[in-house]
């Protein structure tokens, strides 16, 4: 199936030290959330490990991979090439790490923006990326960490809301998919700001 030791060794070479440590934290947290919500633990670990597999790739290389393999680049991604690491990461996960499971590939693809109608695995990786033990700068982190193990959907909405608020505060462009995801889950959960 998946050889976690081999994947970790390859990632340790492909990522800088800080990104590799973050990746291990996301895999660990994804596994913990998978246990809590009865998702496949191995799939959660693989998705957690591979979510940032293209993060340390330079932007020109990410763009070149998208162009060569007909991976659509949105307007927001065209202006912010660093956002491409998720889509390119899914491509790398499939080609280099031989992942064929669509749920894992989607978890990698949407771990930065979310999307309406996410699978349980996608939600787990999205939340794990935000709350992993090495994170310390996000707003409401202690509250969200606790909430993640009580109600994953409420944690997801809270994260999406906090990200949108933060991006507006620092005057950064918001990827339309993040806004769509927030609106979708806010309505689904009847979330109040």
C-alpha atoms as a PDB file:
ATOM      1  CA  UNK A   1       0.000   0.000   0.000  1.00  0.00           C
ATOM      2  CA  UNK A   2       1.832   3.133   1.209  1.00  0.00           C
ATOM      3  CA  UNK A   3       5.307   3.032   2.736  1.00  0.00           C
ATOM      4  CA  UNK A   4       5.295   5.873   5.259  1.00  0.00           C
ATOM      5  CA  UNK A   5       8.995   5.482   6.073  1.00  0.00           C
ATOM      6  CA  UNK A   6       9.946   5.779   2.396  1.00  0.00           C
ATOM      7  CA  UNK A   7       7.668   8.798   1.899  1.00  0.00           C
ATOM      8  CA  UNK A   8       9.187  10.515   4.954  1.00  0.00           C
ATOM      9  CA  UNK A   9      12.740   9.902   3.693  1.00  0.00           C
ATOM     10  CA  UNK A  10      11.896  11.360   0.279  1.00  0.00           C
ATOM     11  CA  UNK A  11      10.157  14.365   1.815  1.00  0.00           C
ATOM     12  CA  UNK A  12      13.061  15.046   4.160  1.00  0.00           C
ATOM     13  CA  UNK A  13      15.233  15.530   1.052  1.00  0.00           C
ATOM     14  CA  UNK A  14      12.637  17.588  -0.865  1.00  0.00           C
ATOM     15  CA  UNK A  15      11.622  20.010   1.912  1.00  0.00           C
ATOM     16  CA  UNK A  16      13.514  22.421   4.105  1.00  0.00           C
ATOM     17  CA  UNK A  17      13.793  21.478   7.784  1.00  0.00           C
ATOM     18  CA  UNK A  18      10.990  23.747   9.014  1.00  0.00           C
ATOM     19  CA  UNK A  19       8.569  22.560   6.305  1.00  0.00           C
ATOM     20  CA  UNK A  20       9.473  18.925   6.977  1.00  0.00           C
ATOM     21  CA  UNK A  21       8.762  19.335  10.707  1.00  0.00           C
ATOM     22  CA  UNK A  22       5.425  20.986   9.851  1.00  0.00           C
ATOM     23  CA  UNK A  23       4.634  18.090   7.524  1.00  0.00           C
ATOM     24  CA  UNK A  24       5.260  15.551  10.282  1.00  0.00           C
ATOM     25  CA  UNK A  25       2.991  17.581  12.572  1.00  0.00           C
ATOM     26  CA  UNK A  26       0.196  17.610   9.991  1.00  0.00           C
ATOM     27  CA  UNK A  27       0.524  13.847   9.430  1.00  0.00           C
ATOM     28  CA  UNK A  28       0.412  13.250  13.199  1.00  0.00           C
ATOM     29  CA  UNK A  29      -2.594  15.529  13.680  1.00  0.00           C
ATOM     30  CA  UNK A  30      -4.363  14.068  10.644  1.00  0.00           C
ATOM     31  CA  UNK A  31      -3.938  10.585  12.130  1.00  0.00           C
ATOM     32  CA  UNK A  32      -5.309  11.745  15.491  1.00  0.00           C
ATOM     33  CA  UNK A  33      -8.327  13.367  13.852  1.00  0.00           C
ATOM     34  CA  UNK A  34      -8.842  10.268  11.687  1.00  0.00           C
ATOM     35  CA  UNK A  35      -8.970   8.139  14.836  1.00  0.00           C
ATOM     36  CA  UNK A  36     -11.468  10.535  16.392  1.00  0.00           C
ATOM     37  CA  UNK A  37     -13.760  10.669  13.334  1.00  0.00           C
ATOM     38  CA  UNK A  38     -13.288   7.061  12.177  1.00  0.00           C
ATOM     39  CA  UNK A  39     -11.506   7.874   8.915  1.00  0.00           C
ATOM     40  CA  UNK A  40      -8.814   5.662   7.389  1.00  0.00           C
ATOM     41  CA  UNK A  41      -5.717   6.433   9.482  1.00  0.00           C
ATOM     42  CA  UNK A  42      -3.178   5.465   6.813  1.00  0.00           C
ATOM     43  CA  UNK A  43      -4.867   7.647   4.194  1.00  0.00           C
ATOM     44  CA  UNK A  44      -4.890  10.533   6.669  1.00  0.00           C
ATOM     45  CA  UNK A  45      -1.172  10.087   7.353  1.00  0.00           C
ATOM     46  CA  UNK A  46      -0.317   9.912   3.644  1.00  0.00           C
ATOM     47  CA  UNK A  47      -2.393  13.006   2.848  1.00  0.00           C
ATOM     48  CA  UNK A  48      -0.873  14.830   5.826  1.00  0.00           C
ATOM     49  CA  UNK A  49       2.641  13.940   4.757  1.00  0.00           C
ATOM     50  CA  UNK A  50       2.109  14.930   1.125  1.00  0.00           C
ATOM     51  CA  UNK A  51      -0.006  18.070   1.585  1.00  0.00           C
ATOM     52  CA  UNK A  52       3.029  20.370   1.173  1.00  0.00           C
ATOM     53  CA  UNK A  53       5.206  18.117  -0.997  1.00  0.00           C
ATOM     54  CA  UNK A  54       5.557  20.906  -3.601  1.00  0.00           C
ATOM     55  CA  UNK A  55       5.801  23.797  -1.119  1.00  0.00           C
ATOM     56  CA  UNK A  56       9.582  24.235  -1.394  1.00  0.00           C
ATOM     57  CA  UNK A  57       9.554  24.076  -5.186  1.00  0.00           C
ATOM     58  CA  UNK A  58      10.308  27.471  -6.747  1.00  0.00           C
ATOM     59  CA  UNK A  59       7.362  29.318  -8.267  1.00  0.00           C
ATOM     60  CA  UNK A  60       8.691  29.138 -11.824  1.00  0.00           C
ATOM     61  CA  UNK A  61       8.869  25.355 -11.608  1.00  0.00           C
ATOM     62  CA  UNK A  62       5.298  25.174 -10.229  1.00  0.00           C
ATOM     63  CA  UNK A  63       4.027  27.307 -13.107  1.00  0.00           C
ATOM     64  CA  UNK A  64       5.975  25.212 -15.636  1.00  0.00           C
ATOM     65  CA  UNK A  65       4.468  21.975 -14.257  1.00  0.00           C
ATOM     66  CA  UNK A  66       0.975  23.457 -14.484  1.00  0.00           C
ATOM     67  CA  UNK A  67       1.532  24.578 -18.057  1.00  0.00           C
ATOM     68  CA  UNK A  68       3.126  21.316 -19.170  1.00  0.00           C
ATOM     69  CA  UNK A  69       0.458  19.115 -17.607  1.00  0.00           C
ATOM     70  CA  UNK A  70      -2.554  21.359 -18.298  1.00  0.00           C
ATOM     71  CA  UNK A  71      -3.257  22.102 -14.638  1.00  0.00           C
ATOM     72  CA  UNK A  72      -5.597  25.095 -14.587  1.00  0.00           C
ATOM     73  CA  UNK A  73      -4.180  28.236 -12.954  1.00  0.00           C
ATOM     74  CA  UNK A  74      -6.854  30.508 -11.488  1.00  0.00           C
ATOM     75  CA  UNK A  75      -6.613  34.304 -11.634  1.00  0.00           C
ATOM     76  CA  UNK A  76      -5.700  34.411  -7.942  1.00  0.00           C
ATOM     77  CA  UNK A  77      -2.992  31.767  -8.489  1.00  0.00           C
ATOM     78  CA  UNK A  78      -1.694  33.696 -11.506  1.00  0.00           C
ATOM     79  CA  UNK A  79      -1.100  36.680  -9.212  1.00  0.00           C
ATOM     80  CA  UNK A  80       0.110  34.546  -6.280  1.00  0.00           C
ATOM     81  CA  UNK A  81       2.149  31.631  -7.611  1.00  0.00           C
ATOM     82  CA  UNK A  82       2.869  30.314  -4.113  1.00  0.00           C
ATOM     83  CA  UNK A  83      -0.782  29.154  -4.008  1.00  0.00           C
ATOM     84  CA  UNK A  84       0.017  26.629  -6.752  1.00  0.00           C
ATOM     85  CA  UNK A  85       1.819  24.342  -4.299  1.00  0.00           C
ATOM     86  CA  UNK A  86      -1.457  22.557  -3.496  1.00  0.00           C
ATOM     87  CA  UNK A  87      -2.395  21.680  -7.095  1.00  0.00           C
ATOM     88  CA  UNK A  88       1.189  20.893  -8.014  1.00  0.00           C
ATOM     89  CA  UNK A  89       1.470  18.886  -4.790  1.00  0.00           C
ATOM     90  CA  UNK A  90      -1.431  16.679  -5.880  1.00  0.00           C
ATOM     91  CA  UNK A  91       0.315  16.151  -9.224  1.00  0.00           C
ATOM     92  CA  UNK A  92       3.601  15.275  -7.468  1.00  0.00           C
ATOM     93  CA  UNK A  93       1.768  12.979  -5.030  1.00  0.00           C
ATOM     94  CA  UNK A  94       0.329  11.066  -7.964  1.00  0.00           C
ATOM     95  CA  UNK A  95       3.417  10.934 -10.173  1.00  0.00           C
ATOM     96  CA  UNK A  96       6.308  10.728  -7.691  1.00  0.00           C
ATOM     97  CA  UNK A  97       4.634   9.043  -4.722  1.00  0.00           C
ATOM     98  CA  UNK A  98       2.252   6.883  -6.795  1.00  0.00           C
ATOM     99  CA  UNK A  99      -0.921   7.979  -4.996  1.00  0.00           C
ATOM    100  CA  UNK A 100      -3.984   6.994  -6.997  1.00  0.00           C
ATOM    101  CA  UNK A 101      -6.603   7.551  -4.296  1.00  0.00           C
ATOM    102  CA  UNK A 102      -8.724  10.543  -5.373  1.00  0.00           C
ATOM    103  CA  UNK A 103      -9.623  11.393  -1.782  1.00  0.00           C
ATOM    104  CA  UNK A 104      -5.949  11.760  -0.830  1.00  0.00           C
ATOM    105  CA  UNK A 105      -5.233  13.780  -3.973  1.00  0.00           C
ATOM    106  CA  UNK A 106      -8.207  16.066  -3.253  1.00  0.00           C
ATOM    107  CA  UNK A 107      -7.046  16.511   0.344  1.00  0.00           C
ATOM    108  CA  UNK A 108      -3.694  17.732  -1.010  1.00  0.00           C
ATOM    109  CA  UNK A 109      -5.334  19.931  -3.668  1.00  0.00           C
ATOM    110  CA  UNK A 110      -7.732  21.713  -1.308  1.00  0.00           C
ATOM    111  CA  UNK A 111      -5.699  21.930   1.900  1.00  0.00           C
ATOM    112  CA  UNK A 112      -5.113  25.681   1.477  1.00  0.00           C
ATOM    113  CA  UNK A 113      -8.487  26.922   0.221  1.00  0.00           C
ATOM    114  CA  UNK A 114     -10.977  24.253   1.175  1.00  0.00           C
ATOM    115  CA  UNK A 115     -13.915  23.753  -1.167  1.00  0.00           C
ATOM    116  CA  UNK A 116     -17.655  23.273  -0.912  1.00  0.00           C
ATOM    117  CA  UNK A 117     -18.573  19.633  -0.266  1.00  0.00           C
ATOM    118  CA  UNK A 118     -15.255  18.456   1.151  1.00  0.00           C
ATOM    119  CA  UNK A 119     -14.889  14.802   2.109  1.00  0.00           C
ATOM    120  CA  UNK A 120     -14.105  13.840   5.694  1.00  0.00           C
ATOM    121  CA  UNK A 121     -10.448  13.273   4.763  1.00  0.00           C
ATOM    122  CA  UNK A 122     -10.211  16.675   3.081  1.00  0.00           C
ATOM    123  CA  UNK A 123     -11.624  18.366   6.196  1.00  0.00           C
ATOM    124  CA  UNK A 124      -9.217  16.456   8.424  1.00  0.00           C
ATOM    125  CA  UNK A 125      -6.137  17.533   6.463  1.00  0.00           C
ATOM    126  CA  UNK A 126      -7.377  21.111   6.143  1.00  0.00           C
ATOM    127  CA  UNK A 127      -7.934  21.379   9.899  1.00  0.00           C
ATOM    128  CA  UNK A 128      -4.744  19.465  10.766  1.00  0.00           C
ATOM    129  CA  UNK A 129      -2.692  21.887   8.649  1.00  0.00           C
ATOM    130  CA  UNK A 130      -4.013  24.750  10.781  1.00  0.00           C
ATOM    131  CA  UNK A 131      -3.781  23.169  14.243  1.00  0.00           C
ATOM    132  CA  UNK A 132      -0.706  20.914  14.114  1.00  0.00           C
ATOM    133  CA  UNK A 133       1.530  21.185  17.211  1.00  0.00           C
ATOM    134  CA  UNK A 134       4.167  23.363  15.530  1.00  0.00           C
ATOM    135  CA  UNK A 135       1.705  26.126  14.704  1.00  0.00           C
ATOM    136  CA  UNK A 136       1.690  28.988  17.166  1.00  0.00           C
ATOM    137  CA  UNK A 137       0.654  32.149  15.340  1.00  0.00           C
ATOM    138  CA  UNK A 138      -2.961  31.580  14.312  1.00  0.00           C
ATOM    139  CA  UNK A 139      -5.798  33.469  15.936  1.00  0.00           C
ATOM    140  CA  UNK A 140      -8.014  31.452  18.326  1.00  0.00           C
ATOM    141  CA  UNK A 141      -5.681  28.453  18.072  1.00  0.00           C
ATOM    142  CA  UNK A 142      -6.354  26.918  21.529  1.00  0.00           C
ATOM    143  CA  UNK A 143     -10.116  27.193  20.982  1.00  0.00           C
ATOM    144  CA  UNK A 144      -9.909  25.703  17.480  1.00  0.00           C
ATOM    145  CA  UNK A 145      -7.649  22.848  18.609  1.00  0.00           C
ATOM    146  CA  UNK A 146     -10.214  21.862  21.220  1.00  0.00           C
ATOM    147  CA  UNK A 147     -13.133  22.330  18.818  1.00  0.00           C
ATOM    148  CA  UNK A 148     -11.437  20.160  16.152  1.00  0.00           C
ATOM    149  CA  UNK A 149     -11.855  17.099  18.360  1.00  0.00           C
ATOM    150  CA  UNK A 150     -15.423  17.989  19.314  1.00  0.00           C
ATOM    151  CA  UNK A 151     -16.978  19.122  16.018  1.00  0.00           C
ATOM    152  CA  UNK A 152     -14.815  19.030  12.901  1.00  0.00           C
ATOM    153  CA  UNK A 153     -17.260  21.049  10.794  1.00  0.00           C
ATOM    154  CA  UNK A 154     -17.478  23.845  13.368  1.00  0.00           C
ATOM    155  CA  UNK A 155     -13.674  23.918  13.547  1.00  0.00           C
ATOM    156  CA  UNK A 156     -13.519  24.116   9.745  1.00  0.00           C
ATOM    157  CA  UNK A 157     -15.903  27.086   9.635  1.00  0.00           C
ATOM    158  CA  UNK A 158     -14.028  28.857  12.424  1.00  0.00           C
ATOM    159  CA  UNK A 159     -10.710  28.380  10.601  1.00  0.00           C
ATOM    160  CA  UNK A 160     -12.144  29.634   7.297  1.00  0.00           C
ATOM    161  CA  UNK A 161     -13.611  32.673   9.054  1.00  0.00           C
ATOM    162  CA  UNK A 162     -10.370  33.463  10.879  1.00  0.00           C
ATOM    163  CA  UNK A 163      -8.340  33.139   7.680  1.00  0.00           C
ATOM    164  CA  UNK A 164     -10.656  35.496   5.799  1.00  0.00           C
ATOM    165  CA  UNK A 165     -10.558  38.042   8.640  1.00  0.00           C
ATOM    166  CA  UNK A 166      -6.752  37.806   8.804  1.00  0.00           C
ATOM    167  CA  UNK A 167      -6.313  38.223   5.032  1.00  0.00           C
ATOM    168  CA  UNK A 168      -8.574  41.292   5.063  1.00  0.00           C
ATOM    169  CA  UNK A 169      -6.674  42.769   8.027  1.00  0.00           C
ATOM    170  CA  UNK A 170      -3.323  42.470   6.266  1.00  0.00           C
ATOM    171  CA  UNK A 171      -4.814  43.499   2.910  1.00  0.00           C
ATOM    172  CA  UNK A 172      -3.917  40.242   1.119  1.00  0.00           C
ATOM    173  CA  UNK A 173      -5.828  38.809  -1.807  1.00  0.00           C
ATOM    174  CA  UNK A 174      -8.425  36.200  -0.919  1.00  0.00           C
ATOM    175  CA  UNK A 175      -8.620  33.150  -3.140  1.00  0.00           C
ATOM    176  CA  UNK A 176     -12.269  32.968  -4.292  1.00  0.00           C
ATOM    177  CA  UNK A 177     -12.376  29.263  -3.361  1.00  0.00           C
ATOM    178  CA  UNK A 178     -11.683  30.134   0.275  1.00  0.00           C
ATOM    179  CA  UNK A 179     -14.575  32.608   0.267  1.00  0.00           C
ATOM    180  CA  UNK A 180     -16.872  30.057  -1.436  1.00  0.00           C
ATOM    181  CA  UNK A 181     -15.873  27.399   1.075  1.00  0.00           C
ATOM    182  CA  UNK A 182     -16.607  29.674   3.993  1.00  0.00           C
ATOM    183  CA  UNK A 183     -19.999  30.697   2.626  1.00  0.00           C
ATOM    184  CA  UNK A 184     -20.921  27.081   1.887  1.00  0.00           C
ATOM    185  CA  UNK A 185     -20.004  25.781   5.350  1.00  0.00           C
ATOM    186  CA  UNK A 186     -21.334  28.844   7.145  1.00  0.00           C
ATOM    187  CA  UNK A 187     -24.733  28.240   5.574  1.00  0.00           C
ATOM    188  CA  UNK A 188     -24.502  24.498   6.155  1.00  0.00           C
ATOM    189  CA  UNK A 189     -23.635  24.963   9.824  1.00  0.00           C
ATOM    190  CA  UNK A 190     -25.722  28.119  10.393  1.00  0.00           C
ATOM    191  CA  UNK A 191     -22.529  29.656  11.735  1.00  0.00           C
ATOM    192  CA  UNK A 192     -22.590  33.082  13.343  1.00  0.00           C
ATOM    193  CA  UNK A 193     -19.579  35.411  12.992  1.00  0.00           C
END
